[in-house]
């Protein structure tokens, strides 16, 4: 039996906005088959 796991990612951004695109790309490129972005 598989267990469903919910994962939330909170990205605090203050004066490091230039790193945000790379951070988001890394999150979106994860290999999780069942992902929801809210």
C-alpha atoms as a PDB file:
ATOM      1  CA  UNK A   1       0.000   0.000   0.000  1.00  0.00           C
ATOM      2  CA  UNK A   2       1.343   3.421  -0.944  1.00  0.00           C
ATOM      3  CA  UNK A   3       1.206   6.293   1.486  1.00  0.00           C
ATOM      4  CA  UNK A   4       0.264   9.694   0.140  1.00  0.00           C
ATOM      5  CA  UNK A   5       2.475  12.460   1.412  1.00  0.00           C
ATOM      6  CA  UNK A   6       1.625  16.142   1.152  1.00  0.00           C
ATOM      7  CA  UNK A   7       4.597  18.451   0.866  1.00  0.00           C
ATOM      8  CA  UNK A   8       4.478  22.220   1.083  1.00  0.00           C
ATOM      9  CA  UNK A   9       7.431  24.390   0.203  1.00  0.00           C
ATOM     10  CA  UNK A  10       7.701  27.902   1.561  1.00  0.00           C
ATOM     11  CA  UNK A  11      10.358  30.094   0.004  1.00  0.00           C
ATOM     12  CA  UNK A  12      11.211  33.144   2.081  1.00  0.00           C
ATOM     13  CA  UNK A  13      12.614  35.825  -0.217  1.00  0.00           C
ATOM     14  CA  UNK A  14      14.065  39.070   1.037  1.00  0.00           C
ATOM     15  CA  UNK A  15      16.771  40.892  -0.910  1.00  0.00           C
ATOM     16  CA  UNK A  16      17.674  37.727  -2.831  1.00  0.00           C
ATOM     17  CA  UNK A  17      15.117  37.943  -5.615  1.00  0.00           C
ATOM     18  CA  UNK A  18      17.778  37.190  -8.220  1.00  0.00           C
ATOM     19  CA  UNK A  19      17.957  33.591  -6.928  1.00  0.00           C
ATOM     20  CA  UNK A  20      14.209  32.971  -7.069  1.00  0.00           C
ATOM     21  CA  UNK A  21      14.007  31.832 -10.736  1.00  0.00           C
ATOM     22  CA  UNK A  22      16.702  29.193 -10.174  1.00  0.00           C
ATOM     23  CA  UNK A  23      14.985  28.053  -6.996  1.00  0.00           C
ATOM     24  CA  UNK A  24      11.602  27.704  -8.719  1.00  0.00           C
ATOM     25  CA  UNK A  25      13.163  25.878 -11.669  1.00  0.00           C
ATOM     26  CA  UNK A  26      14.675  23.383  -9.256  1.00  0.00           C
ATOM     27  CA  UNK A  27      11.322  22.785  -7.603  1.00  0.00           C
ATOM     28  CA  UNK A  28       9.445  22.409 -10.900  1.00  0.00           C
ATOM     29  CA  UNK A  29      12.032  19.968 -12.258  1.00  0.00           C
ATOM     30  CA  UNK A  30      11.559  17.472  -9.450  1.00  0.00           C
ATOM     31  CA  UNK A  31      10.581  13.981 -10.541  1.00  0.00           C
ATOM     32  CA  UNK A  32       7.473  13.701  -8.378  1.00  0.00           C
ATOM     33  CA  UNK A  33       4.702  12.387 -10.627  1.00  0.00           C
ATOM     34  CA  UNK A  34       1.808  13.762  -8.609  1.00  0.00           C
ATOM     35  CA  UNK A  35       2.542  17.364  -7.917  1.00  0.00           C
ATOM     36  CA  UNK A  36       0.206  20.283  -7.469  1.00  0.00           C
ATOM     37  CA  UNK A  37       1.368  23.869  -7.481  1.00  0.00           C
ATOM     38  CA  UNK A  38      -0.790  26.381  -5.645  1.00  0.00           C
END
